[in-house]
Amino acid sequence: KVHPNPTVMLTSEALADKPELALSVATILGRAAWLEQQTNMLLRYILGAGATAAFAMFEKLEAASVKRDVILAAASEALKGERLQMFEATFLVIQNAQKPRHAIAHHIWATCPELPNTLLLADPKRMRLREDKHGAMFHKRHKKGETFDANEWVDLTSWDHSAIAVYTSNDFRRILEDLREAQDAAFLLRTY
């Protein structure tokens, strides 16, 4: 349900009065961490028992995209034919299931009184652009000793609602189901 003019409040306490959503978020983070560990175990299986040094280097990588590329490169080298196809398909399922965790962990949390049973997640890159624009406008006006006209003030205090995603308990249930299916796929791949 979209509200035409919502009141958005950025807060790290967005789930303080929403225990059901808070439990879902905690479970999503826990399942995603478990799934990441399973992905790391898949790399160990691909590299083999004697690749301790290579795995130690892998663990030092911080960017998820770099880790993903390393795992896929190792799989392409070590696996062939049907085994490689099965790995790539499973890895895609795992990667897609983990995307919402990134937003939950790294986006800015917010609430909206008009949407009480939701968690809003604001894209931090888009929020930074907003703040940069506002800072530049404010600095320019302040430097010249000018005040803001009404339109500029509205622009300064308005939100780009396209930068904010709204999550409900149904969204979290879907995310949890996707993570569970990805966990099952990762387990089955190890036995394949």
C-alpha atoms as a PDB file:
ATOM      1  CA  LYS A   1       0.000   0.000   0.000  1.00  0.00           C
ATOM      2  CA  VAL A   2       1.528   3.299  -1.071  1.00  0.00           C
ATOM      3  CA  HIS A   3       0.867   6.491   0.824  1.00  0.00           C
ATOM      4  CA  PRO A   4       0.910   9.688  -1.293  1.00  0.00           C
ATOM      5  CA  ASN A   5       2.735  11.893   1.229  1.00  0.00           C
ATOM      6  CA  PRO A   6       4.299   9.740   3.947  1.00  0.00           C
ATOM      7  CA  THR A   7       6.176  10.986   6.979  1.00  0.00           C
ATOM      8  CA  VAL A   8       9.565   9.259   6.882  1.00  0.00           C
ATOM      9  CA  MET A   9      11.685   9.197  10.022  1.00  0.00           C
ATOM     10  CA  LEU A  10      15.205   7.769   9.866  1.00  0.00           C
ATOM     11  CA  THR A  11      15.979   5.829  13.035  1.00  0.00           C
ATOM     12  CA  SER A  12      18.110   2.909  14.147  1.00  0.00           C
ATOM     13  CA  GLU A  13      15.229   2.086  16.540  1.00  0.00           C
ATOM     14  CA  ALA A  14      12.757   1.365  13.725  1.00  0.00           C
ATOM     15  CA  LEU A  15      11.953  -2.101  15.066  1.00  0.00           C
ATOM     16  CA  ALA A  16      11.805  -1.233  18.772  1.00  0.00           C
ATOM     17  CA  ASP A  17       7.994  -1.445  18.828  1.00  0.00           C
ATOM     18  CA  LYS A  18       7.671  -4.183  16.166  1.00  0.00           C
ATOM     19  CA  PRO A  19       8.726  -7.485  17.796  1.00  0.00           C
ATOM     20  CA  GLU A  20       7.409  -9.682  14.971  1.00  0.00           C
ATOM     21  CA  LEU A  21       9.381  -7.765  12.339  1.00  0.00           C
ATOM     22  CA  ALA A  22      12.434  -7.641  14.628  1.00  0.00           C
ATOM     23  CA  LEU A  23      12.372 -11.438  14.977  1.00  0.00           C
ATOM     24  CA  SER A  24      12.073 -11.824  11.210  1.00  0.00           C
ATOM     25  CA  VAL A  25      15.027  -9.483  10.619  1.00  0.00           C
ATOM     26  CA  ALA A  26      17.151 -11.343  13.176  1.00  0.00           C
ATOM     27  CA  THR A  27      16.273 -14.665  11.568  1.00  0.00           C
ATOM     28  CA  ILE A  28      17.095 -13.329   8.099  1.00  0.00           C
ATOM     29  CA  LEU A  29      20.510 -12.159   9.302  1.00  0.00           C
ATOM     30  CA  GLY A  30      21.149 -15.508  11.006  1.00  0.00           C
ATOM     31  CA  ARG A  31      20.131 -17.576   7.982  1.00  0.00           C
ATOM     32  CA  ALA A  32      22.181 -15.386   5.655  1.00  0.00           C
ATOM     33  CA  ALA A  33      25.252 -15.804   7.883  1.00  0.00           C
ATOM     34  CA  TRP A  34      24.749 -19.568   7.879  1.00  0.00           C
ATOM     35  CA  LEU A  35      24.360 -19.534   4.110  1.00  0.00           C
ATOM     36  CA  GLU A  36      27.569 -17.520   3.723  1.00  0.00           C
ATOM     37  CA  GLN A  37      29.369 -20.139   5.814  1.00  0.00           C
ATOM     38  CA  GLN A  38      27.955 -22.883   3.598  1.00  0.00           C
ATOM     39  CA  THR A  39      29.179 -20.990   0.538  1.00  0.00           C
ATOM     40  CA  ASN A  40      32.651 -20.822   2.073  1.00  0.00           C
ATOM     41  CA  MET A  41      32.498 -24.568   2.707  1.00  0.00           C
ATOM     42  CA  LEU A  42      31.624 -25.117  -0.951  1.00  0.00           C
ATOM     43  CA  LEU A  43      34.801 -23.272  -1.883  1.00  0.00           C
ATOM     44  CA  ARG A  44      36.789 -25.531   0.461  1.00  0.00           C
ATOM     45  CA  TYR A  45      35.338 -28.575  -1.307  1.00  0.00           C
ATOM     46  CA  ILE A  46      36.203 -27.112  -4.702  1.00  0.00           C
ATOM     47  CA  LEU A  47      39.757 -26.179  -3.715  1.00  0.00           C
ATOM     48  CA  GLY A  48      40.418 -29.417  -1.877  1.00  0.00           C
ATOM     49  CA  ALA A  49      41.972 -30.184   1.491  1.00  0.00           C
ATOM     50  CA  GLY A  50      45.444 -28.968   0.519  1.00  0.00           C
ATOM     51  CA  ALA A  51      44.354 -25.425  -0.358  1.00  0.00           C
ATOM     52  CA  THR A  52      44.625 -23.954   3.113  1.00  0.00           C
ATOM     53  CA  ALA A  53      46.740 -20.992   1.955  1.00  0.00           C
ATOM     54  CA  ALA A  54      44.339 -20.179  -0.887  1.00  0.00           C
ATOM     55  CA  PHE A  55      41.376 -20.299   1.464  1.00  0.00           C
ATOM     56  CA  ALA A  56      43.172 -18.082   3.984  1.00  0.00           C
ATOM     57  CA  MET A  57      43.621 -15.484   1.231  1.00  0.00           C
ATOM     58  CA  PHE A  58      39.942 -15.816   0.298  1.00  0.00           C
ATOM     59  CA  GLU A  59      38.894 -15.129   3.890  1.00  0.00           C
ATOM     60  CA  LYS A  60      40.785 -11.811   3.799  1.00  0.00           C
ATOM     61  CA  LEU A  61      38.634 -10.546   0.937  1.00  0.00           C
ATOM     62  CA  GLU A  62      35.966  -8.159   2.146  1.00  0.00           C
ATOM     63  CA  ALA A  63      33.873  -7.242  -0.883  1.00  0.00           C
ATOM     64  CA  ALA A  64      31.086  -9.745  -1.475  1.00  0.00           C
ATOM     65  CA  SER A  65      31.316  -9.246  -5.243  1.00  0.00           C
ATOM     66  CA  VAL A  66      35.027 -10.141  -5.223  1.00  0.00           C
ATOM     67  CA  LYS A  67      34.345 -13.236  -3.111  1.00  0.00           C
ATOM     68  CA  ARG A  68      31.606 -14.235  -5.543  1.00  0.00           C
ATOM     69  CA  ASP A  69      33.962 -13.854  -8.516  1.00  0.00           C
ATOM     70  CA  VAL A  70      36.686 -15.890  -6.775  1.00  0.00           C
ATOM     71  CA  ILE A  71      34.266 -18.721  -5.990  1.00  0.00           C
ATOM     72  CA  LEU A  72      32.942 -18.799  -9.557  1.00  0.00           C
ATOM     73  CA  ALA A  73      36.484 -18.746 -11.002  1.00  0.00           C
ATOM     74  CA  ALA A  74      37.511 -21.638  -8.739  1.00  0.00           C
ATOM     75  CA  ALA A  75      34.407 -23.593  -9.718  1.00  0.00           C
ATOM     76  CA  SER A  76      35.024 -22.976 -13.434  1.00  0.00           C
ATOM     77  CA  GLU A  77      38.537 -24.319 -13.062  1.00  0.00           C
ATOM     78  CA  ALA A  78      37.756 -27.327 -10.857  1.00  0.00           C
ATOM     79  CA  LEU A  79      34.348 -28.465 -12.102  1.00  0.00           C
ATOM     80  CA  LYS A  80      33.271 -29.452 -15.570  1.00  0.00           C
ATOM     81  CA  GLY A  81      30.072 -30.238 -17.443  1.00  0.00           C
ATOM     82  CA  GLU A  82      26.985 -31.057 -15.423  1.00  0.00           C
ATOM     83  CA  ARG A  83      28.736 -30.537 -12.079  1.00  0.00           C
ATOM     84  CA  LEU A  84      29.714 -26.989 -13.085  1.00  0.00           C
ATOM     85  CA  GLN A  85      26.198 -26.228 -14.338  1.00  0.00           C
ATOM     86  CA  MET A  86      24.712 -27.537 -11.099  1.00  0.00           C
ATOM     87  CA  PHE A  87      27.151 -25.440  -9.069  1.00  0.00           C
ATOM     88  CA  GLU A  88      26.465 -22.256 -11.064  1.00  0.00           C
ATOM     89  CA  ALA A  89      22.686 -22.700 -10.812  1.00  0.00           C
ATOM     90  CA  THR A  90      22.848 -23.333  -7.066  1.00  0.00           C
ATOM     91  CA  PHE A  91      25.248 -20.448  -6.536  1.00  0.00           C
ATOM     92  CA  LEU A  92      22.832 -18.120  -8.359  1.00  0.00           C
ATOM     93  CA  VAL A  93      19.996 -19.234  -6.052  1.00  0.00           C
ATOM     94  CA  ILE A  94      22.232 -18.559  -3.030  1.00  0.00           C
ATOM     95  CA  GLN A  95      23.302 -15.125  -4.286  1.00  0.00           C
ATOM     96  CA  ASN A  96      19.735 -14.041  -5.062  1.00  0.00           C
ATOM     97  CA  ALA A  97      18.485 -15.213  -1.669  1.00  0.00           C
ATOM     98  CA  GLN A  98      21.165 -13.186   0.119  1.00  0.00           C
ATOM     99  CA  LYS A  99      20.456  -9.847  -1.607  1.00  0.00           C
ATOM    100  CA  PRO A 100      17.760  -8.702   0.847  1.00  0.00           C
ATOM    101  CA  ARG A 101      20.161  -9.290   3.752  1.00  0.00           C
ATOM    102  CA  HIS A 102      22.465  -6.675   2.272  1.00  0.00           C
ATOM    103  CA  ALA A 103      19.696  -4.082   2.291  1.00  0.00           C
ATOM    104  CA  ILE A 104      18.645  -4.955   5.845  1.00  0.00           C
ATOM    105  CA  ALA A 105      22.224  -4.756   7.106  1.00  0.00           C
ATOM    106  CA  HIS A 106      23.486  -1.773   5.117  1.00  0.00           C
ATOM    107  CA  HIS A 107      20.549   0.473   4.273  1.00  0.00           C
ATOM    108  CA  ILE A 108      19.278   3.178   6.601  1.00  0.00           C
ATOM    109  CA  TRP A 109      16.302   2.096   8.695  1.00  0.00           C
ATOM    110  CA  ALA A 110      13.240   4.287   8.896  1.00  0.00           C
ATOM    111  CA  THR A 111       9.659   4.321  10.088  1.00  0.00           C
ATOM    112  CA  CYS A 112       6.483   5.844   8.758  1.00  0.00           C
ATOM    113  CA  PRO A 113       3.463   6.475  11.000  1.00  0.00           C
ATOM    114  CA  GLU A 114       1.151   6.080   8.016  1.00  0.00           C
ATOM    115  CA  LEU A 115       2.556   2.556   7.486  1.00  0.00           C
ATOM    116  CA  PRO A 116       2.837   1.279  11.080  1.00  0.00           C
ATOM    117  CA  ASN A 117       3.656  -2.405  10.556  1.00  0.00           C
ATOM    118  CA  THR A 118       6.551  -1.884   8.192  1.00  0.00           C
ATOM    119  CA  LEU A 119      10.286  -1.355   8.097  1.00  0.00           C
ATOM    120  CA  LEU A 120      11.506   1.231   5.625  1.00  0.00           C
ATOM    121  CA  LEU A 121      14.994   0.860   4.157  1.00  0.00           C
ATOM    122  CA  ALA A 122      16.588   3.909   2.567  1.00  0.00           C
ATOM    123  CA  ASP A 123      19.352   3.396   0.016  1.00  0.00           C
ATOM    124  CA  PRO A 124      22.449   4.950   1.626  1.00  0.00           C
ATOM    125  CA  LYS A 125      24.008   5.980  -1.699  1.00  0.00           C
ATOM    126  CA  ARG A 126      20.885   7.840  -2.734  1.00  0.00           C
ATOM    127  CA  MET A 127      20.598   9.391   0.726  1.00  0.00           C
ATOM    128  CA  ARG A 128      24.204  10.601   0.496  1.00  0.00           C
ATOM    129  CA  LEU A 129      23.449  12.237  -2.848  1.00  0.00           C
ATOM    130  CA  ARG A 130      20.464  13.970  -1.234  1.00  0.00           C
ATOM    131  CA  GLU A 131      22.594  15.227   1.632  1.00  0.00           C
ATOM    132  CA  ASP A 132      25.344  16.416  -0.735  1.00  0.00           C
ATOM    133  CA  LYS A 133      22.807  18.360  -2.791  1.00  0.00           C
ATOM    134  CA  HIS A 134      21.277  19.909   0.302  1.00  0.00           C
ATOM    135  CA  GLY A 135      24.662  20.756   1.786  1.00  0.00           C
ATOM    136  CA  ALA A 136      25.789  22.468  -1.409  1.00  0.00           C
ATOM    137  CA  MET A 137      22.533  24.441  -1.652  1.00  0.00           C
ATOM    138  CA  PHE A 138      22.712  25.487   1.989  1.00  0.00           C
ATOM    139  CA  HIS A 139      26.393  26.454   1.743  1.00  0.00           C
ATOM    140  CA  LYS A 140      25.792  28.508  -1.395  1.00  0.00           C
ATOM    141  CA  ARG A 141      22.917  30.434   0.203  1.00  0.00           C
ATOM    142  CA  HIS A 142      24.657  30.861   3.546  1.00  0.00           C
ATOM    143  CA  LYS A 143      27.859  32.125   1.914  1.00  0.00           C
ATOM    144  CA  LYS A 144      25.900  34.819   0.071  1.00  0.00           C
ATOM    145  CA  GLY A 145      23.885  35.688   3.187  1.00  0.00           C
ATOM    146  CA  GLU A 146      20.676  34.734   1.398  1.00  0.00           C
ATOM    147  CA  THR A 147      17.680  32.877   2.778  1.00  0.00           C
ATOM    148  CA  PHE A 148      15.789  30.058   1.156  1.00  0.00           C
ATOM    149  CA  ASP A 149      12.580  30.649  -0.702  1.00  0.00           C
ATOM    150  CA  ALA A 150       9.623  28.333  -0.019  1.00  0.00           C
ATOM    151  CA  ASN A 151      10.284  26.048  -3.009  1.00  0.00           C
ATOM    152  CA  GLU A 152      13.917  25.553  -2.030  1.00  0.00           C
ATOM    153  CA  TRP A 153      12.905  24.792   1.553  1.00  0.00           C
ATOM    154  CA  VAL A 154      10.395  22.176   0.388  1.00  0.00           C
ATOM    155  CA  ASP A 155      13.114  20.639  -1.766  1.00  0.00           C
ATOM    156  CA  LEU A 156      15.498  20.567   1.199  1.00  0.00           C
ATOM    157  CA  THR A 157      13.010  18.811   3.459  1.00  0.00           C
ATOM    158  CA  SER A 158      11.439  16.413   0.933  1.00  0.00           C
ATOM    159  CA  TRP A 159      12.363  12.763   0.467  1.00  0.00           C
ATOM    160  CA  ASP A 160      13.005  10.938  -2.759  1.00  0.00           C
ATOM    161  CA  HIS A 161      10.538   8.154  -2.058  1.00  0.00           C
ATOM    162  CA  SER A 162      11.966   6.014  -4.851  1.00  0.00           C
ATOM    163  CA  ALA A 163      15.097   5.646  -2.676  1.00  0.00           C
ATOM    164  CA  ILE A 164      13.085   4.045   0.136  1.00  0.00           C
ATOM    165  CA  ALA A 165      11.812   0.462   0.098  1.00  0.00           C
ATOM    166  CA  VAL A 166       8.933  -0.640   2.331  1.00  0.00           C
ATOM    167  CA  TYR A 167       9.041  -4.114   3.895  1.00  0.00           C
ATOM    168  CA  THR A 168       6.092  -5.859   5.539  1.00  0.00           C
ATOM    169  CA  SER A 169       5.893  -9.129   7.466  1.00  0.00           C
ATOM    170  CA  ASN A 170       4.849 -10.844   4.208  1.00  0.00           C
ATOM    171  CA  ASP A 171       8.019  -9.582   2.524  1.00  0.00           C
ATOM    172  CA  PHE A 172      10.113 -10.948   5.383  1.00  0.00           C
ATOM    173  CA  ARG A 173       8.332 -14.318   5.209  1.00  0.00           C
ATOM    174  CA  ARG A 174       9.171 -14.529   1.491  1.00  0.00           C
ATOM    175  CA  ILE A 175      12.806 -13.615   2.159  1.00  0.00           C
ATOM    176  CA  LEU A 176      13.017 -16.267   4.884  1.00  0.00           C
ATOM    177  CA  GLU A 177      11.544 -18.884   2.564  1.00  0.00           C
ATOM    178  CA  ASP A 178      14.035 -17.956  -0.172  1.00  0.00           C
ATOM    179  CA  LEU A 179      16.901 -18.277   2.318  1.00  0.00           C
ATOM    180  CA  ARG A 180      15.614 -21.656   3.521  1.00  0.00           C
ATOM    181  CA  GLU A 181      15.431 -22.922  -0.061  1.00  0.00           C
ATOM    182  CA  ALA A 182      18.939 -21.638  -0.720  1.00  0.00           C
ATOM    183  CA  GLN A 183      20.175 -23.415   2.431  1.00  0.00           C
ATOM    184  CA  ASP A 184      18.607 -26.650   1.191  1.00  0.00           C
ATOM    185  CA  ALA A 185      20.186 -26.171  -2.239  1.00  0.00           C
ATOM    186  CA  ALA A 186      23.623 -25.527  -0.710  1.00  0.00           C
ATOM    187  CA  PHE A 187      23.342 -28.666   1.408  1.00  0.00           C
ATOM    188  CA  LEU A 188      22.235 -30.776  -1.556  1.00  0.00           C
ATOM    189  CA  LEU A 189      25.047 -29.410  -3.708  1.00  0.00           C
ATOM    190  CA  ARG A 190      27.616 -30.582  -1.156  1.00  0.00           C
ATOM    191  CA  THR A 191      26.232 -34.117  -1.452  1.00  0.00           C
ATOM    192  CA  TYR A 192      25.998 -34.011  -5.273  1.00  0.00           C
END
